[in-house]
Amino acid sequence: MILYINTSDEEKVALALGKAGKLIAKREFKAKYRQSEKLLPAIDLLLAKNKIKLSDLLGVVAVNGPGPFTATRIGVTVANALAYGLNIKIAGLRADEFDNIEDMVSRGWEKLSKAKKEKTVEPVYDREPNITIKN
C-alpha cells in the first residue's frame, strides 16, 4: 500500500492510499493554515478506516510543490520522516504534473516505482523566500 500526501494547497489537504497506481481510498479536508495540526491525525484516520497499519506501507509519495512555504514543507517533512522511519521508498510529485487525486495516484506510482530507497524529497515553493533581517 502506498500513502500519498498533498499539502501544496494552503486551503486543503488531500491524502490517498493506492495500490499499483490505483486509488484505494482518499481523504480531503480543509486545513487553512492548520496543516501541522491536522495532517498526522488525518493520516491515522485514513489508515485506520482502511484497516492499514503503518508497517503495511511500502512507499510514500509527497506532492512537493510548488506551493506555500509552510504547507508544502509540512507535507514533505512528514513524508520524508515516514519513509525514513519505516525504511520505505519515497517519491516527489509536482502539483502541476496531475489534474485530480486519481491522476496523482497513477503518476505518483510511476515515479515511486523508479525511485531509490535512500532518496528524500525536497520541497518546491511558489515564490522566493521573504526573509526580513533586522539591523
C-alpha atoms as a PDB file:
ATOM      1  CA  MET A   1       0.000   0.000   0.000  1.00  0.00           C
ATOM      2  CA  ILE A   2       1.257   3.478  -0.891  1.00  0.00           C
ATOM      3  CA  LEU A   3       0.413   6.678   1.008  1.00  0.00           C
ATOM      4  CA  TYR A   4       0.014   9.895  -0.994  1.00  0.00           C
ATOM      5  CA  ILE A   5       0.270  13.293   0.719  1.00  0.00           C
ATOM      6  CA  ASN A   6      -0.645  16.616  -0.894  1.00  0.00           C
ATOM      7  CA  THR A   7      -0.332  19.759   1.231  1.00  0.00           C
ATOM      8  CA  SER A   8       0.686  22.052  -1.627  1.00  0.00           C
ATOM      9  CA  ASP A   9      -2.613  23.964  -1.395  1.00  0.00           C
ATOM     10  CA  GLU A  10      -2.875  26.379   1.539  1.00  0.00           C
ATOM     11  CA  GLU A  11      -6.643  25.784   1.766  1.00  0.00           C
ATOM     12  CA  LYS A  12      -6.898  21.977   1.784  1.00  0.00           C
ATOM     13  CA  VAL A  13      -5.060  18.704   2.221  1.00  0.00           C
ATOM     14  CA  ALA A  14      -5.520  15.611   0.085  1.00  0.00           C
ATOM     15  CA  LEU A  15      -4.464  12.151   1.238  1.00  0.00           C
ATOM     16  CA  ALA A  16      -4.805   8.897  -0.639  1.00  0.00           C
ATOM     17  CA  LEU A  17      -3.997   5.231  -0.382  1.00  0.00           C
ATOM     18  CA  GLY A  18      -3.123   3.417  -3.562  1.00  0.00           C
ATOM     19  CA  LYS A  19      -2.031   0.045  -4.798  1.00  0.00           C
ATOM     20  CA  ALA A  20      -0.178  -0.417  -8.111  1.00  0.00           C
ATOM     21  CA  GLY A  21      -1.240   3.051  -9.255  1.00  0.00           C
ATOM     22  CA  LYS A  22      -4.937   2.577  -8.467  1.00  0.00           C
ATOM     23  CA  LEU A  23      -6.801   4.696  -5.920  1.00  0.00           C
ATOM     24  CA  ILE A  24      -7.995   2.626  -2.946  1.00  0.00           C
ATOM     25  CA  ALA A  25      -9.152   5.373  -0.552  1.00  0.00           C
ATOM     26  CA  LYS A  26      -8.942   9.131  -0.194  1.00  0.00           C
ATOM     27  CA  ARG A  27      -9.467  11.841   2.377  1.00  0.00           C
ATOM     28  CA  GLU A  28      -9.665  15.530   1.529  1.00  0.00           C
ATOM     29  CA  PHE A  29     -10.285  18.263   4.073  1.00  0.00           C
ATOM     30  CA  LYS A  30      -9.921  21.987   4.670  1.00  0.00           C
ATOM     31  CA  ALA A  31      -6.843  22.892   6.645  1.00  0.00           C
ATOM     32  CA  LYS A  32      -6.286  26.579   6.005  1.00  0.00           C
ATOM     33  CA  TYR A  33      -3.020  27.343   7.813  1.00  0.00           C
ATOM     34  CA  ARG A  34      -3.536  24.349  10.150  1.00  0.00           C
ATOM     35  CA  GLN A  35      -1.803  21.572   8.227  1.00  0.00           C
ATOM     36  CA  SER A  36       0.609  20.969  11.090  1.00  0.00           C
ATOM     37  CA  GLU A  37      -2.292  20.260  13.465  1.00  0.00           C
ATOM     38  CA  LYS A  38      -4.424  18.205  11.108  1.00  0.00           C
ATOM     39  CA  LEU A  39      -2.092  16.152   8.909  1.00  0.00           C
ATOM     40  CA  LEU A  40      -0.928  13.382  11.258  1.00  0.00           C
ATOM     41  CA  PRO A  41      -4.383  12.700  12.784  1.00  0.00           C
ATOM     42  CA  ALA A  42      -5.837  12.609   9.253  1.00  0.00           C
ATOM     43  CA  ILE A  43      -3.228  10.069   8.136  1.00  0.00           C
ATOM     44  CA  ASP A  44      -4.011   7.942  11.213  1.00  0.00           C
ATOM     45  CA  LEU A  45      -7.737   8.134  10.448  1.00  0.00           C
ATOM     46  CA  LEU A  46      -7.292   7.218   6.774  1.00  0.00           C
ATOM     47  CA  LEU A  47      -5.157   4.216   7.686  1.00  0.00           C
ATOM     48  CA  ALA A  48      -7.495   3.084  10.488  1.00  0.00           C
ATOM     49  CA  LYS A  49     -10.650   3.349   8.356  1.00  0.00           C
ATOM     50  CA  ASN A  50      -8.990   1.108   5.780  1.00  0.00           C
ATOM     51  CA  LYS A  51      -7.509  -1.304   8.343  1.00  0.00           C
ATOM     52  CA  ILE A  52      -3.965  -0.445   7.261  1.00  0.00           C
ATOM     53  CA  LYS A  53      -1.056  -0.317   9.693  1.00  0.00           C
ATOM     54  CA  LEU A  54       1.943   1.943   9.161  1.00  0.00           C
ATOM     55  CA  SER A  55       4.021  -1.205   8.772  1.00  0.00           C
ATOM     56  CA  ASP A  56       1.849  -2.167   5.765  1.00  0.00           C
ATOM     57  CA  LEU A  57       3.056   0.867   3.800  1.00  0.00           C
ATOM     58  CA  LEU A  58       5.537   0.087   1.028  1.00  0.00           C
ATOM     59  CA  GLY A  59       6.103   3.671  -0.059  1.00  0.00           C
ATOM     60  CA  VAL A  60       5.037   7.286   0.211  1.00  0.00           C
ATOM     61  CA  VAL A  61       4.530   9.940  -2.456  1.00  0.00           C
ATOM     62  CA  ALA A  62       4.630  13.613  -1.486  1.00  0.00           C
ATOM     63  CA  VAL A  63       3.402  16.449  -3.646  1.00  0.00           C
ATOM     64  CA  ASN A  64       6.417  18.688  -3.220  1.00  0.00           C
ATOM     65  CA  GLY A  65       5.045  21.894  -4.714  1.00  0.00           C
ATOM     66  CA  PRO A  66       5.008  24.416  -5.985  1.00  0.00           C
ATOM     67  CA  GLY A  67       3.072  25.687  -3.034  1.00  0.00           C
ATOM     68  CA  PRO A  68       3.131  27.905   0.044  1.00  0.00           C
ATOM     69  CA  PHE A  69       6.233  27.545   2.210  1.00  0.00           C
ATOM     70  CA  THR A  70       4.734  26.188   5.429  1.00  0.00           C
ATOM     71  CA  ALA A  71       2.032  23.981   3.915  1.00  0.00           C
ATOM     72  CA  THR A  72       4.422  22.387   1.424  1.00  0.00           C
ATOM     73  CA  ARG A  73       7.184  21.958   3.994  1.00  0.00           C
ATOM     74  CA  ILE A  74       4.848  20.177   6.429  1.00  0.00           C
ATOM     75  CA  GLY A  75       3.718  17.570   3.897  1.00  0.00           C
ATOM     76  CA  VAL A  76       7.213  16.927   2.571  1.00  0.00           C
ATOM     77  CA  THR A  77       8.678  16.677   6.080  1.00  0.00           C
ATOM     78  CA  VAL A  78       6.047  14.169   7.218  1.00  0.00           C
ATOM     79  CA  ALA A  79       6.550  12.102   4.051  1.00  0.00           C
ATOM     80  CA  ASN A  80      10.343  12.088   4.454  1.00  0.00           C
ATOM     81  CA  ALA A  81      10.035  11.150   8.146  1.00  0.00           C
ATOM     82  CA  LEU A  82       7.668   8.265   7.372  1.00  0.00           C
ATOM     83  CA  ALA A  83       9.902   6.973   4.582  1.00  0.00           C
ATOM     84  CA  TYR A  84      12.984   7.165   6.786  1.00  0.00           C
ATOM     85  CA  GLY A  85      11.332   5.715   9.899  1.00  0.00           C
ATOM     86  CA  LEU A  86       9.654   2.857   8.046  1.00  0.00           C
ATOM     87  CA  ASN A  87      12.606   2.292   5.686  1.00  0.00           C
ATOM     88  CA  ILE A  88      10.374   2.573   2.605  1.00  0.00           C
ATOM     89  CA  LYS A  89      10.674   4.292  -0.756  1.00  0.00           C
ATOM     90  CA  ILE A  90       9.623   7.892  -1.328  1.00  0.00           C
ATOM     91  CA  ALA A  91       8.995   9.962  -4.429  1.00  0.00           C
ATOM     92  CA  GLY A  92       8.098  13.574  -5.068  1.00  0.00           C
ATOM     93  CA  LEU A  93       5.433  14.718  -7.486  1.00  0.00           C
ATOM     94  CA  ARG A  94       4.875  18.313  -8.567  1.00  0.00           C
ATOM     95  CA  ALA A  95       1.344  19.688  -8.309  1.00  0.00           C
ATOM     96  CA  ASP A  96       1.422  20.680 -11.977  1.00  0.00           C
ATOM     97  CA  GLU A  97       2.019  17.041 -13.010  1.00  0.00           C
ATOM     98  CA  PHE A  98      -1.521  15.851 -12.248  1.00  0.00           C
ATOM     99  CA  ASP A  99      -5.119  17.053 -12.519  1.00  0.00           C
ATOM    100  CA  ASN A 100      -7.008  15.159  -9.798  1.00  0.00           C
ATOM    101  CA  ILE A 101      -6.472  12.694  -6.978  1.00  0.00           C
ATOM    102  CA  GLU A 102      -6.746   9.611  -9.213  1.00  0.00           C
ATOM    103  CA  ASP A 103      -4.140  11.109 -11.540  1.00  0.00           C
ATOM    104  CA  MET A 104      -1.933  11.921  -8.524  1.00  0.00           C
ATOM    105  CA  VAL A 105      -2.013   8.245  -7.513  1.00  0.00           C
ATOM    106  CA  SER A 106      -1.289   6.999 -11.028  1.00  0.00           C
ATOM    107  CA  ARG A 107       1.565   9.424 -11.757  1.00  0.00           C
ATOM    108  CA  GLY A 108       2.962   9.118  -8.249  1.00  0.00           C
ATOM    109  CA  TRP A 109       3.115   5.339  -8.637  1.00  0.00           C
ATOM    110  CA  GLU A 110       5.133   5.741 -11.846  1.00  0.00           C
ATOM    111  CA  LYS A 111       7.679   7.912 -10.031  1.00  0.00           C
ATOM    112  CA  LEU A 112       7.792   5.733  -6.927  1.00  0.00           C
ATOM    113  CA  SER A 113       8.448   2.571  -8.927  1.00  0.00           C
ATOM    114  CA  LYS A 114      11.610   4.234 -10.324  1.00  0.00           C
ATOM    115  CA  ALA A 115      12.765   5.763  -7.011  1.00  0.00           C
ATOM    116  CA  LYS A 116      15.729   4.581  -4.969  1.00  0.00           C
ATOM    117  CA  LYS A 117      15.145   3.694  -1.342  1.00  0.00           C
ATOM    118  CA  GLU A 118      17.691   6.143   0.083  1.00  0.00           C
ATOM    119  CA  LYS A 119      16.119   9.155  -1.634  1.00  0.00           C
ATOM    120  CA  THR A 120      14.456  12.109   0.093  1.00  0.00           C
ATOM    121  CA  VAL A 121      12.035  14.615  -1.395  1.00  0.00           C
ATOM    122  CA  GLU A 122      12.803  18.335  -1.471  1.00  0.00           C
ATOM    123  CA  PRO A 123      10.044  20.958  -1.461  1.00  0.00           C
ATOM    124  CA  VAL A 124       9.432  23.402  -4.315  1.00  0.00           C
ATOM    125  CA  TYR A 125       7.977  26.724  -3.191  1.00  0.00           C
ATOM    126  CA  ASP A 126       5.705  29.005  -5.186  1.00  0.00           C
ATOM    127  CA  ARG A 127       7.921  32.082  -4.727  1.00  0.00           C
ATOM    128  CA  GLU A 128      11.291  33.241  -3.466  1.00  0.00           C
ATOM    129  CA  PRO A 129      11.789  33.359   0.327  1.00  0.00           C
ATOM    130  CA  ASN A 130      10.618  36.538   2.023  1.00  0.00           C
ATOM    131  CA  ILE A 131      13.122  36.977   4.809  1.00  0.00           C
ATOM    132  CA  THR A 132      13.451  40.171   6.833  1.00  0.00           C
ATOM    133  CA  ILE A 133      16.746  40.849   8.554  1.00  0.00           C
ATOM    134  CA  LYS A 134      16.800  43.429  11.340  1.00  0.00           C
ATOM    135  CA  ASN A 135      19.932  45.506  11.811  1.00  0.00           C
END
